[in-house]
């Protein structure tokens, strides 16, 4: 049975933000083995996400060792079709393409904080 945090709180946050943030696409490349020539083959999957792009404070960057080129992308878990992982790429309309470096989540698993850089 899911806890209060992982069910009711997560659903309430998703419902509250539904349609109010940026919508975008998360692209994931999956290693598909090798083709008939022995070359590596990959497939790409895309997923719908909702969230926003933010900046880290200078103090937090210095304390955590985050490069100045990195941005914080927050995705609403209940409004996103997939949990992000390292090397996923996220793009919102009229925003550059970002590649995920690190993913963190809150105790309710309601949001995903993606430390990302522009590619």
C-alpha atoms as a PDB file:
ATOM      1  CA  UNK A   1       0.000   0.000   0.000  1.00  0.00           C
ATOM      2  CA  UNK A   2       1.347   3.416  -0.947  1.00  0.00           C
ATOM      3  CA  UNK A   3       1.901   5.939   1.798  1.00  0.00           C
ATOM      4  CA  UNK A   4       0.046   9.252   2.094  1.00  0.00           C
ATOM      5  CA  UNK A   5       3.046  11.022   0.569  1.00  0.00           C
ATOM      6  CA  UNK A   6       3.269   8.726  -2.436  1.00  0.00           C
ATOM      7  CA  UNK A   7      -0.407   8.770  -3.263  1.00  0.00           C
ATOM      8  CA  UNK A   8      -2.636  11.577  -2.032  1.00  0.00           C
ATOM      9  CA  UNK A   9      -0.028  14.334  -1.794  1.00  0.00           C
ATOM     10  CA  UNK A  10       1.548  13.422  -5.135  1.00  0.00           C
ATOM     11  CA  UNK A  11      -1.879  13.394  -6.813  1.00  0.00           C
ATOM     12  CA  UNK A  12      -2.867  16.715  -5.222  1.00  0.00           C
ATOM     13  CA  UNK A  13       0.302  18.401  -6.496  1.00  0.00           C
ATOM     14  CA  UNK A  14      -0.200  16.965  -9.980  1.00  0.00           C
ATOM     15  CA  UNK A  15      -3.829  18.120 -10.047  1.00  0.00           C
ATOM     16  CA  UNK A  16      -2.910  21.613  -8.817  1.00  0.00           C
ATOM     17  CA  UNK A  17      -0.298  22.156 -11.516  1.00  0.00           C
ATOM     18  CA  UNK A  18      -2.071  20.357 -14.385  1.00  0.00           C
ATOM     19  CA  UNK A  19      -1.944  22.564 -17.489  1.00  0.00           C
ATOM     20  CA  UNK A  20      -0.302  25.520 -15.708  1.00  0.00           C
ATOM     21  CA  UNK A  21       3.340  24.866 -16.481  1.00  0.00           C
ATOM     22  CA  UNK A  22       5.438  24.339 -19.574  1.00  0.00           C
ATOM     23  CA  UNK A  23       4.716  21.208 -21.572  1.00  0.00           C
ATOM     24  CA  UNK A  24       7.576  19.498 -23.261  1.00  0.00           C
ATOM     25  CA  UNK A  25       9.119  16.326 -24.525  1.00  0.00           C
ATOM     26  CA  UNK A  26      11.572  14.030 -22.797  1.00  0.00           C
ATOM     27  CA  UNK A  27      13.620  11.977 -25.254  1.00  0.00           C
ATOM     28  CA  UNK A  28      15.375   8.787 -24.179  1.00  0.00           C
ATOM     29  CA  UNK A  29      17.863   6.846 -26.296  1.00  0.00           C
ATOM     30  CA  UNK A  30      17.924   3.119 -25.614  1.00  0.00           C
ATOM     31  CA  UNK A  31      20.768   0.847 -26.631  1.00  0.00           C
ATOM     32  CA  UNK A  32      19.244  -1.757 -28.910  1.00  0.00           C
ATOM     33  CA  UNK A  33      22.229  -4.072 -29.230  1.00  0.00           C
ATOM     34  CA  UNK A  34      23.942  -4.360 -32.588  1.00  0.00           C
ATOM     35  CA  UNK A  35      22.687  -4.301 -36.160  1.00  0.00           C
ATOM     36  CA  UNK A  36      23.475  -6.800 -38.927  1.00  0.00           C
ATOM     37  CA  UNK A  37      26.865  -5.114 -39.513  1.00  0.00           C
ATOM     38  CA  UNK A  38      27.903  -5.321 -35.854  1.00  0.00           C
ATOM     39  CA  UNK A  39      27.415  -1.591 -35.311  1.00  0.00           C
ATOM     40  CA  UNK A  40      25.637  -0.413 -32.167  1.00  0.00           C
ATOM     41  CA  UNK A  41      21.990   0.459 -32.739  1.00  0.00           C
ATOM     42  CA  UNK A  42      19.853   2.722 -30.621  1.00  0.00           C
ATOM     43  CA  UNK A  43      16.173   3.491 -30.538  1.00  0.00           C
ATOM     44  CA  UNK A  44      14.594   6.689 -29.336  1.00  0.00           C
ATOM     45  CA  UNK A  45      11.472   7.041 -27.211  1.00  0.00           C
ATOM     46  CA  UNK A  46       9.652  10.290 -26.465  1.00  0.00           C
ATOM     47  CA  UNK A  47       7.432  11.115 -23.509  1.00  0.00           C
ATOM     48  CA  UNK A  48       5.264  14.099 -22.577  1.00  0.00           C
ATOM     49  CA  UNK A  49       6.362  16.077 -19.489  1.00  0.00           C
ATOM     50  CA  UNK A  50       5.193  19.150 -17.559  1.00  0.00           C
ATOM     51  CA  UNK A  51       7.463  21.379 -15.542  1.00  0.00           C
ATOM     52  CA  UNK A  52       9.588  24.502 -15.523  1.00  0.00           C
ATOM     53  CA  UNK A  53      13.183  25.685 -15.902  1.00  0.00           C
ATOM     54  CA  UNK A  54      14.849  27.498 -13.015  1.00  0.00           C
ATOM     55  CA  UNK A  55      18.322  28.662 -11.966  1.00  0.00           C
ATOM     56  CA  UNK A  56      20.318  27.533  -8.955  1.00  0.00           C
ATOM     57  CA  UNK A  57      21.319  30.243  -6.489  1.00  0.00           C
ATOM     58  CA  UNK A  58      24.996  31.219  -6.449  1.00  0.00           C
ATOM     59  CA  UNK A  59      25.355  30.019  -2.859  1.00  0.00           C
ATOM     60  CA  UNK A  60      23.833  26.613  -3.639  1.00  0.00           C
ATOM     61  CA  UNK A  61      26.003  26.248  -6.755  1.00  0.00           C
ATOM     62  CA  UNK A  62      29.143  26.936  -4.744  1.00  0.00           C
ATOM     63  CA  UNK A  63      28.157  24.607  -1.899  1.00  0.00           C
ATOM     64  CA  UNK A  64      27.046  21.730  -4.158  1.00  0.00           C
ATOM     65  CA  UNK A  65      29.697  22.119  -6.868  1.00  0.00           C
ATOM     66  CA  UNK A  66      27.154  22.732  -9.636  1.00  0.00           C
ATOM     67  CA  UNK A  67      28.611  24.249 -12.829  1.00  0.00           C
ATOM     68  CA  UNK A  68      27.386  27.712 -13.805  1.00  0.00           C
ATOM     69  CA  UNK A  69      26.134  26.303 -17.110  1.00  0.00           C
ATOM     70  CA  UNK A  70      23.621  23.969 -15.423  1.00  0.00           C
ATOM     71  CA  UNK A  71      19.935  24.728 -15.000  1.00  0.00           C
ATOM     72  CA  UNK A  72      17.362  23.169 -12.695  1.00  0.00           C
ATOM     73  CA  UNK A  73      14.422  21.591 -14.482  1.00  0.00           C
ATOM     74  CA  UNK A  74      11.556  20.585 -12.230  1.00  0.00           C
ATOM     75  CA  UNK A  75       9.087  18.058 -13.614  1.00  0.00           C
ATOM     76  CA  UNK A  76       5.720  17.311 -11.992  1.00  0.00           C
ATOM     77  CA  UNK A  77       5.756  13.523 -11.634  1.00  0.00           C
ATOM     78  CA  UNK A  78       1.999  12.998 -11.832  1.00  0.00           C
ATOM     79  CA  UNK A  79       1.772  15.046 -15.044  1.00  0.00           C
ATOM     80  CA  UNK A  80       4.771  13.461 -16.733  1.00  0.00           C
ATOM     81  CA  UNK A  81       4.688  10.156 -18.557  1.00  0.00           C
ATOM     82  CA  UNK A  82       8.066   8.878 -17.324  1.00  0.00           C
ATOM     83  CA  UNK A  83      10.617   9.223 -14.533  1.00  0.00           C
ATOM     84  CA  UNK A  84      13.707  10.976 -15.934  1.00  0.00           C
ATOM     85  CA  UNK A  85      17.152   9.382 -15.815  1.00  0.00           C
ATOM     86  CA  UNK A  86      20.672  10.587 -16.541  1.00  0.00           C
ATOM     87  CA  UNK A  87      21.304  11.372 -20.246  1.00  0.00           C
ATOM     88  CA  UNK A  88      17.612  11.945 -21.053  1.00  0.00           C
ATOM     89  CA  UNK A  89      16.978  15.094 -23.067  1.00  0.00           C
ATOM     90  CA  UNK A  90      14.217  17.543 -22.221  1.00  0.00           C
ATOM     91  CA  UNK A  91      12.856  20.326 -24.394  1.00  0.00           C
ATOM     92  CA  UNK A  92      10.027  22.731 -23.707  1.00  0.00           C
ATOM     93  CA  UNK A  93       8.464  24.859 -26.448  1.00  0.00           C
ATOM     94  CA  UNK A  94      10.632  27.931 -27.180  1.00  0.00           C
ATOM     95  CA  UNK A  95      13.402  26.662 -24.865  1.00  0.00           C
ATOM     96  CA  UNK A  96      16.755  25.108 -25.770  1.00  0.00           C
ATOM     97  CA  UNK A  97      17.368  21.384 -25.526  1.00  0.00           C
ATOM     98  CA  UNK A  98      18.709  20.219 -22.136  1.00  0.00           C
ATOM     99  CA  UNK A  99      20.478  16.987 -21.212  1.00  0.00           C
ATOM    100  CA  UNK A 100      19.943  15.587 -17.722  1.00  0.00           C
ATOM    101  CA  UNK A 101      23.058  15.262 -15.564  1.00  0.00           C
ATOM    102  CA  UNK A 102      21.532  14.339 -12.149  1.00  0.00           C
ATOM    103  CA  UNK A 103      17.968  13.497 -11.017  1.00  0.00           C
ATOM    104  CA  UNK A 104      16.630  13.997  -7.494  1.00  0.00           C
ATOM    105  CA  UNK A 105      13.119  13.544  -6.138  1.00  0.00           C
ATOM    106  CA  UNK A 106      11.244  14.713  -3.076  1.00  0.00           C
ATOM    107  CA  UNK A 107       9.928  12.319  -0.378  1.00  0.00           C
ATOM    108  CA  UNK A 108       6.440  12.285  -1.936  1.00  0.00           C
ATOM    109  CA  UNK A 109       7.881  11.523  -5.375  1.00  0.00           C
ATOM    110  CA  UNK A 110       5.739  14.406  -6.608  1.00  0.00           C
ATOM    111  CA  UNK A 111       8.503  16.245  -8.468  1.00  0.00           C
ATOM    112  CA  UNK A 112      11.752  15.399 -10.177  1.00  0.00           C
ATOM    113  CA  UNK A 113      14.584  17.920  -9.997  1.00  0.00           C
ATOM    114  CA  UNK A 114      16.828  17.479 -13.014  1.00  0.00           C
ATOM    115  CA  UNK A 115      20.217  19.130 -12.949  1.00  0.00           C
ATOM    116  CA  UNK A 116      20.645  19.693 -16.676  1.00  0.00           C
ATOM    117  CA  UNK A 117      22.823  21.500 -19.170  1.00  0.00           C
ATOM    118  CA  UNK A 118      22.032  23.038 -22.523  1.00  0.00           C
ATOM    119  CA  UNK A 119      23.100  21.020 -25.581  1.00  0.00           C
END
